[in-house]
Amino acid sequence: MKKNLFSKKSGRILGLMAFIATGGGLIVSTAIKEENFYKTEILVIFGCFFAVSLVDHYRKLLWCFNPGK
């Protein structure tokens, strides 16, 4: 008998939290170490894309739990 460790909802929320922690941590640690201003500007652009993808992922997560709304 197969027993799941997490429910589907908990697994998706955990995945979203892991996505936020991993991406945010990489962006912040790279920004702290970077000394070149132009590379920092590019990093800010990637940070904006990361924020947009977080919003999209969160909306899809909400839609999965409430498909009629």
PDB file of N, CA and C in Angstrom:
ATOM      1  N   MET A   1       0.832  -1.173   0.000  1.00  0.00           N
ATOM      2  CA  MET A   1       0.000   0.000   0.000  1.00  0.00           C
ATOM      3  C   MET A   1       0.883   1.245   0.000  1.00  0.00           C
ATOM      4  N   LYS A   2       0.651   2.106  -0.993  1.00  0.00           N
ATOM      5  CA  LYS A   2       1.450   3.318  -1.121  1.00  0.00           C
ATOM      6  C   LYS A   2       0.809   4.449  -0.329  1.00  0.00           C
ATOM      7  N   LYS A   3       1.598   5.060   0.534  1.00  0.00           N
ATOM      8  CA  LYS A   3       1.108   6.163   1.347  1.00  0.00           C
ATOM      9  C   LYS A   3       1.936   7.409   1.024  1.00  0.00           C
ATOM     10  N   ASN A   4       1.259   8.501   0.709  1.00  0.00           N
ATOM     11  CA  ASN A   4       1.957   9.740   0.384  1.00  0.00           C
ATOM     12  C   ASN A   4       2.420  10.444   1.649  1.00  0.00           C
ATOM     13  N   LEU A   5       3.610  11.022   1.551  1.00  0.00           N
ATOM     14  CA  LEU A   5       4.150  11.777   2.675  1.00  0.00           C
ATOM     15  C   LEU A   5       3.420  13.117   2.823  1.00  0.00           C
ATOM     16  N   PHE A   6       3.104  13.743   1.690  1.00  0.00           N
ATOM     17  CA  PHE A   6       2.393  15.019   1.679  1.00  0.00           C
ATOM     18  C   PHE A   6       1.147  14.882   0.828  1.00  0.00           C
ATOM     19  N   SER A   7       0.159  15.689   1.132  1.00  0.00           N
ATOM     20  CA  SER A   7      -1.004  15.758   0.248  1.00  0.00           C
ATOM     21  C   SER A   7      -0.607  16.559  -0.995  1.00  0.00           C
ATOM     22  N   LYS A   8      -1.455  16.541  -2.004  1.00  0.00           N
ATOM     23  CA  LYS A   8      -1.152  17.254  -3.244  1.00  0.00           C
ATOM     24  C   LYS A   8      -1.013  18.753  -2.981  1.00  0.00           C
ATOM     25  N   LYS A   9      -1.896  19.298  -2.161  1.00  0.00           N
ATOM     26  CA  LYS A   9      -1.860  20.727  -1.846  1.00  0.00           C
ATOM     27  C   LYS A   9      -0.586  21.087  -1.082  1.00  0.00           C
ATOM     28  N   SER A  10      -0.237  20.292  -0.091  1.00  0.00           N
ATOM     29  CA  SER A  10       0.965  20.564   0.702  1.00  0.00           C
ATOM     30  C   SER A  10       2.221  20.450  -0.148  1.00  0.00           C
ATOM     31  N   GLY A  11       2.229  19.487  -1.047  1.00  0.00           N
ATOM     32  CA  GLY A  11       3.385  19.313  -1.925  1.00  0.00           C
ATOM     33  C   GLY A  11       3.584  20.497  -2.853  1.00  0.00           C
ATOM     34  N   ARG A  12       2.497  21.022  -3.379  1.00  0.00           N
ATOM     35  CA  ARG A  12       2.608  22.181  -4.271  1.00  0.00           C
ATOM     36  C   ARG A  12       3.031  23.436  -3.520  1.00  0.00           C
ATOM     37  N   ILE A  13       2.526  23.614  -2.323  1.00  0.00           N
ATOM     38  CA  ILE A  13       2.935  24.776  -1.524  1.00  0.00           C
ATOM     39  C   ILE A  13       4.407  24.650  -1.130  1.00  0.00           C
ATOM     40  N   LEU A  14       4.833  23.452  -0.783  1.00  0.00           N
ATOM     41  CA  LEU A  14       6.243  23.221  -0.464  1.00  0.00           C
ATOM     42  C   LEU A  14       7.120  23.488  -1.684  1.00  0.00           C
ATOM     43  N   GLY A  15       6.647  23.090  -2.857  1.00  0.00           N
ATOM     44  CA  GLY A  15       7.382  23.368  -4.090  1.00  0.00           C
ATOM     45  C   GLY A  15       7.510  24.853  -4.359  1.00  0.00           C
ATOM     46  N   LEU A  16       6.440  25.607  -4.115  1.00  0.00           N
ATOM     47  CA  LEU A  16       6.487  27.060  -4.293  1.00  0.00           C
ATOM     48  C   LEU A  16       7.472  27.689  -3.314  1.00  0.00           C
ATOM     49  N   MET A  17       7.462  27.241  -2.076  1.00  0.00           N
ATOM     50  CA  MET A  17       8.396  27.779  -1.076  1.00  0.00           C
ATOM     51  C   MET A  17       9.841  27.450  -1.445  1.00  0.00           C
ATOM     52  N   ALA A  18      10.079  26.244  -1.960  1.00  0.00           N
ATOM     53  CA  ALA A  18      11.428  25.870  -2.389  1.00  0.00           C
ATOM     54  C   ALA A  18      11.872  26.718  -3.577  1.00  0.00           C
ATOM     55  N   PHE A  19      10.939  26.991  -4.490  1.00  0.00           N
ATOM     56  CA  PHE A  19      11.227  27.830  -5.655  1.00  0.00           C
ATOM     57  C   PHE A  19      11.614  29.239  -5.213  1.00  0.00           C
ATOM     58  N   ILE A  20      10.870  29.786  -4.254  1.00  0.00           N
ATOM     59  CA  ILE A  20      11.161  31.128  -3.740  1.00  0.00           C
ATOM     60  C   ILE A  20      12.518  31.155  -3.036  1.00  0.00           C
ATOM     61  N   ALA A  21      12.764  30.178  -2.183  1.00  0.00           N
ATOM     62  CA  ALA A  21      14.009  30.156  -1.409  1.00  0.00           C
ATOM     63  C   ALA A  21      15.231  29.965  -2.304  1.00  0.00           C
ATOM     64  N   THR A  22      15.135  29.068  -3.262  1.00  0.00           N
ATOM     65  CA  THR A  22      16.276  28.797  -4.134  1.00  0.00           C
ATOM     66  C   THR A  22      16.581  29.983  -5.038  1.00  0.00           C
ATOM     67  N   GLY A  23      15.571  30.458  -5.742  1.00  0.00           N
ATOM     68  CA  GLY A  23      15.788  31.580  -6.662  1.00  0.00           C
ATOM     69  C   GLY A  23      16.180  32.852  -5.942  1.00  0.00           C
ATOM     70  N   GLY A  24      15.479  33.155  -4.865  1.00  0.00           N
ATOM     71  CA  GLY A  24      15.801  34.357  -4.101  1.00  0.00           C
ATOM     72  C   GLY A  24      17.193  34.306  -3.503  1.00  0.00           C
ATOM     73  N   GLY A  25      17.557  33.158  -2.980  1.00  0.00           N
ATOM     74  CA  GLY A  25      18.893  33.005  -2.398  1.00  0.00           C
ATOM     75  C   GLY A  25      19.999  33.156  -3.423  1.00  0.00           C
ATOM     76  N   LEU A  26      19.795  32.584  -4.606  1.00  0.00           N
ATOM     77  CA  LEU A  26      20.803  32.718  -5.661  1.00  0.00           C
ATOM     78  C   LEU A  26      20.945  34.161  -6.122  1.00  0.00           C
ATOM     79  N   ILE A  27      19.827  34.842  -6.282  1.00  0.00           N
ATOM     80  CA  ILE A  27      19.881  36.235  -6.736  1.00  0.00           C
ATOM     81  C   ILE A  27      20.538  37.120  -5.685  1.00  0.00           C
ATOM     82  N   VAL A  28      20.166  36.960  -4.435  1.00  0.00           N
ATOM     83  CA  VAL A  28      20.728  37.797  -3.366  1.00  0.00           C
ATOM     84  C   VAL A  28      22.218  37.525  -3.170  1.00  0.00           C
ATOM     85  N   SER A  29      22.611  36.255  -3.146  1.00  0.00           N
ATOM     86  CA  SER A  29      24.028  35.949  -2.933  1.00  0.00           C
ATOM     87  C   SER A  29      24.885  36.435  -4.096  1.00  0.00           C
ATOM     88  N   THR A  30      24.364  36.357  -5.309  1.00  0.00           N
ATOM     89  CA  THR A  30      25.110  36.858  -6.460  1.00  0.00           C
ATOM     90  C   THR A  30      25.200  38.377  -6.420  1.00  0.00           C
ATOM     91  N   ALA A  31      24.127  39.048  -6.022  1.00  0.00           N
ATOM     92  CA  ALA A  31      24.132  40.516  -5.947  1.00  0.00           C
ATOM     93  C   ALA A  31      25.119  41.012  -4.896  1.00  0.00           C
ATOM     94  N   ILE A  32      25.235  40.295  -3.807  1.00  0.00           N
ATOM     95  CA  ILE A  32      26.160  40.712  -2.747  1.00  0.00           C
ATOM     96  C   ILE A  32      27.609  40.590  -3.209  1.00  0.00           C
ATOM     97  N   LYS A  33      27.915  39.541  -3.959  1.00  0.00           N
ATOM     98  CA  LYS A  33      29.295  39.299  -4.386  1.00  0.00           C
ATOM     99  C   LYS A  33      29.700  40.111  -5.612  1.00  0.00           C
ATOM    100  N   GLU A  34      28.727  40.567  -6.389  1.00  0.00           N
ATOM    101  CA  GLU A  34      29.030  41.256  -7.649  1.00  0.00           C
ATOM    102  C   GLU A  34      29.453  42.694  -7.403  1.00  0.00           C
ATOM    103  N   GLU A  35      30.556  43.097  -8.062  1.00  0.00           N
ATOM    104  CA  GLU A  35      31.063  44.453  -7.914  1.00  0.00           C
ATOM    105  C   GLU A  35      30.852  45.289  -9.171  1.00  0.00           C
ATOM    106  N   ASN A  36      30.635  44.638 -10.297  1.00  0.00           N
ATOM    107  CA  ASN A  36      30.445  45.349 -11.552  1.00  0.00           C
ATOM    108  C   ASN A  36      29.006  45.860 -11.638  1.00  0.00           C
ATOM    109  N   PHE A  37      28.855  47.160 -11.882  1.00  0.00           N
ATOM    110  CA  PHE A  37      27.532  47.788 -11.901  1.00  0.00           C
ATOM    111  C   PHE A  37      26.665  47.246 -13.032  1.00  0.00           C
ATOM    112  N   TYR A  38      27.247  47.021 -14.203  1.00  0.00           N
ATOM    113  CA  TYR A  38      26.463  46.555 -15.352  1.00  0.00           C
ATOM    114  C   TYR A  38      25.948  45.138 -15.140  1.00  0.00           C
ATOM    115  N   LYS A  39      26.752  44.316 -14.537  1.00  0.00           N
ATOM    116  CA  LYS A  39      26.297  42.955 -14.234  1.00  0.00           C
ATOM    117  C   LYS A  39      25.198  42.980 -13.172  1.00  0.00           C
ATOM    118  N   THR A  40      25.281  43.934 -12.266  1.00  0.00           N
ATOM    119  CA  THR A  40      24.237  44.077 -11.256  1.00  0.00           C
ATOM    120  C   THR A  40      22.919  44.508 -11.901  1.00  0.00           C
ATOM    121  N   GLU A  41      22.990  45.369 -12.909  1.00  0.00           N
ATOM    122  CA  GLU A  41      21.777  45.764 -13.634  1.00  0.00           C
ATOM    123  C   GLU A  41      21.130  44.562 -14.313  1.00  0.00           C
ATOM    124  N   ILE A  42      21.936  43.730 -14.924  1.00  0.00           N
ATOM    125  CA  ILE A  42      21.417  42.517 -15.568  1.00  0.00           C
ATOM    126  C   ILE A  42      20.793  41.601 -14.524  1.00  0.00           C
ATOM    127  N   LEU A  43      21.411  41.528 -13.372  1.00  0.00           N
ATOM    128  CA  LEU A  43      20.874  40.708 -12.290  1.00  0.00           C
ATOM    129  C   LEU A  43      19.520  41.238 -11.810  1.00  0.00           C
ATOM    130  N   VAL A  44      19.357  42.552 -11.782  1.00  0.00           N
ATOM    131  CA  VAL A  44      18.068  43.143 -11.405  1.00  0.00           C
ATOM    132  C   VAL A  44      16.995  42.759 -12.423  1.00  0.00           C
ATOM    133  N   ILE A  45      17.356  42.744 -13.695  1.00  0.00           N
ATOM    134  CA  ILE A  45      16.406  42.330 -14.731  1.00  0.00           C
ATOM    135  C   ILE A  45      15.991  40.881 -14.518  1.00  0.00           C
ATOM    136  N   PHE A  46      16.954  40.011 -14.238  1.00  0.00           N
ATOM    137  CA  PHE A  46      16.621  38.615 -13.951  1.00  0.00           C
ATOM    138  C   PHE A  46      15.764  38.497 -12.693  1.00  0.00           C
ATOM    139  N   GLY A  47      16.009  39.359 -11.719  1.00  0.00           N
ATOM    140  CA  GLY A  47      15.176  39.374 -10.518  1.00  0.00           C
ATOM    141  C   GLY A  47      13.737  39.748 -10.829  1.00  0.00           C
ATOM    142  N   CYS A  48      13.552  40.666 -11.770  1.00  0.00           N
ATOM    143  CA  CYS A  48      12.185  41.028 -12.194  1.00  0.00           C
ATOM    144  C   CYS A  48      11.504  39.846 -12.865  1.00  0.00           C
ATOM    145  N   PHE A  49      12.226  39.145 -13.734  1.00  0.00           N
ATOM    146  CA  PHE A  49      11.660  37.949 -14.363  1.00  0.00           C
ATOM    147  C   PHE A  49      11.308  36.898 -13.318  1.00  0.00           C
ATOM    148  N   PHE A  50      12.144  36.779 -12.306  1.00  0.00           N
ATOM    149  CA  PHE A  50      11.886  35.827 -11.226  1.00  0.00           C
ATOM    150  C   PHE A  50      10.603  36.201 -10.489  1.00  0.00           C
ATOM    151  N   ALA A  51      10.420  37.485 -10.205  1.00  0.00           N
ATOM    152  CA  ALA A  51       9.207  37.932  -9.513  1.00  0.00           C
ATOM    153  C   ALA A  51       7.963  37.679 -10.356  1.00  0.00           C
ATOM    154  N   VAL A  52       8.056  37.916 -11.657  1.00  0.00           N
ATOM    155  CA  VAL A  52       6.919  37.664 -12.546  1.00  0.00           C
ATOM    156  C   VAL A  52       6.590  36.176 -12.573  1.00  0.00           C
ATOM    157  N   SER A  53       7.615  35.337 -12.607  1.00  0.00           N
ATOM    158  CA  SER A  53       7.364  33.890 -12.626  1.00  0.00           C
ATOM    159  C   SER A  53       6.767  33.416 -11.304  1.00  0.00           C
ATOM    160  N   LEU A  54       7.132  34.058 -10.204  1.00  0.00           N
ATOM    161  CA  LEU A  54       6.531  33.705  -8.919  1.00  0.00           C
ATOM    162  C   LEU A  54       5.040  34.016  -8.906  1.00  0.00           C
ATOM    163  N   VAL A  55       4.674  35.172  -9.434  1.00  0.00           N
ATOM    164  CA  VAL A  55       3.259  35.548  -9.491  1.00  0.00           C
ATOM    165  C   VAL A  55       2.491  34.561 -10.359  1.00  0.00           C
ATOM    166  N   ASP A  56       3.060  34.196 -11.499  1.00  0.00           N
ATOM    167  CA  ASP A  56       2.403  33.250 -12.400  1.00  0.00           C
ATOM    168  C   ASP A  56       2.252  31.884 -11.737  1.00  0.00           C
ATOM    169  N   HIS A  57       3.296  31.439 -11.072  1.00  0.00           N
ATOM    170  CA  HIS A  57       3.252  30.140 -10.396  1.00  0.00           C
ATOM    171  C   HIS A  57       2.210  30.147  -9.273  1.00  0.00           C
ATOM    172  N   TYR A  58       2.142  31.250  -8.537  1.00  0.00           N
ATOM    173  CA  TYR A  58       1.176  31.368  -7.442  1.00  0.00           C
ATOM    174  C   TYR A  58      -0.257  31.363  -7.972  1.00  0.00           C
ATOM    175  N   ARG A  59      -0.500  32.065  -9.079  1.00  0.00           N
ATOM    176  CA  ARG A  59      -1.846  32.076  -9.674  1.00  0.00           C
ATOM    177  C   ARG A  59      -2.249  30.685 -10.143  1.00  0.00           C
ATOM    178  N   LYS A  60      -1.319  29.957 -10.745  1.00  0.00           N
ATOM    179  CA  LYS A  60      -1.624  28.591 -11.181  1.00  0.00           C
ATOM    180  C   LYS A  60      -1.903  27.700  -9.979  1.00  0.00           C
ATOM    181  N   LEU A  61      -1.171  27.930  -8.903  1.00  0.00           N
ATOM    182  CA  LEU A  61      -1.384  27.154  -7.686  1.00  0.00           C
ATOM    183  C   LEU A  61      -2.770  27.423  -7.118  1.00  0.00           C
ATOM    184  N   LEU A  62      -3.177  28.674  -7.079  1.00  0.00           N
ATOM    185  CA  LEU A  62      -4.516  29.011  -6.596  1.00  0.00           C
ATOM    186  C   LEU A  62      -5.592  28.449  -7.510  1.00  0.00           C
ATOM    187  N   TRP A  63      -5.359  28.479  -8.829  1.00  0.00           N
ATOM    188  CA  TRP A  63      -6.345  27.974  -9.772  1.00  0.00           C
ATOM    189  C   TRP A  63      -6.515  26.460  -9.632  1.00  0.00           C
ATOM    190  N   CYS A  64      -5.451  25.746  -9.304  1.00  0.00           N
ATOM    191  CA  CYS A  64      -5.547  24.288  -9.129  1.00  0.00           C
ATOM    192  C   CYS A  64      -6.476  23.935  -7.975  1.00  0.00           C
ATOM    193  N   PHE A  65      -6.485  24.751  -6.946  1.00  0.00           N
ATOM    194  CA  PHE A  65      -7.300  24.447  -5.776  1.00  0.00           C
ATOM    195  C   PHE A  65      -8.715  25.003  -5.903  1.00  0.00           C
ATOM    196  N   ASN A  66      -8.911  26.007  -6.752  1.00  0.00           N
ATOM    197  CA  ASN A  66     -10.234  26.607  -6.979  1.00  0.00           C
ATOM    198  C   ASN A  66     -10.451  26.775  -8.478  1.00  0.00           C
ATOM    199  N   PRO A  67     -10.644  25.695  -9.244  1.00  0.00           N
ATOM    200  CA  PRO A  67     -10.714  25.812 -10.706  1.00  0.00           C
ATOM    201  C   PRO A  67     -11.911  26.602 -11.214  1.00  0.00           C
ATOM    202  N   GLY A  68     -12.964  26.710 -10.462  1.00  0.00           N
ATOM    203  CA  GLY A  68     -14.144  27.434 -10.920  1.00  0.00           C
ATOM    204  C   GLY A  68     -14.051  28.933 -10.753  1.00  0.00           C
ATOM    205  N   LYS A  69     -13.086  29.417 -10.002  1.00  0.00           N
ATOM    206  CA  LYS A  69     -12.995  30.854  -9.692  1.00  0.00           C
ATOM    207  C   LYS A  69     -11.970  31.540 -10.542  1.00  0.00           C
TER     208      LYS A  69
END
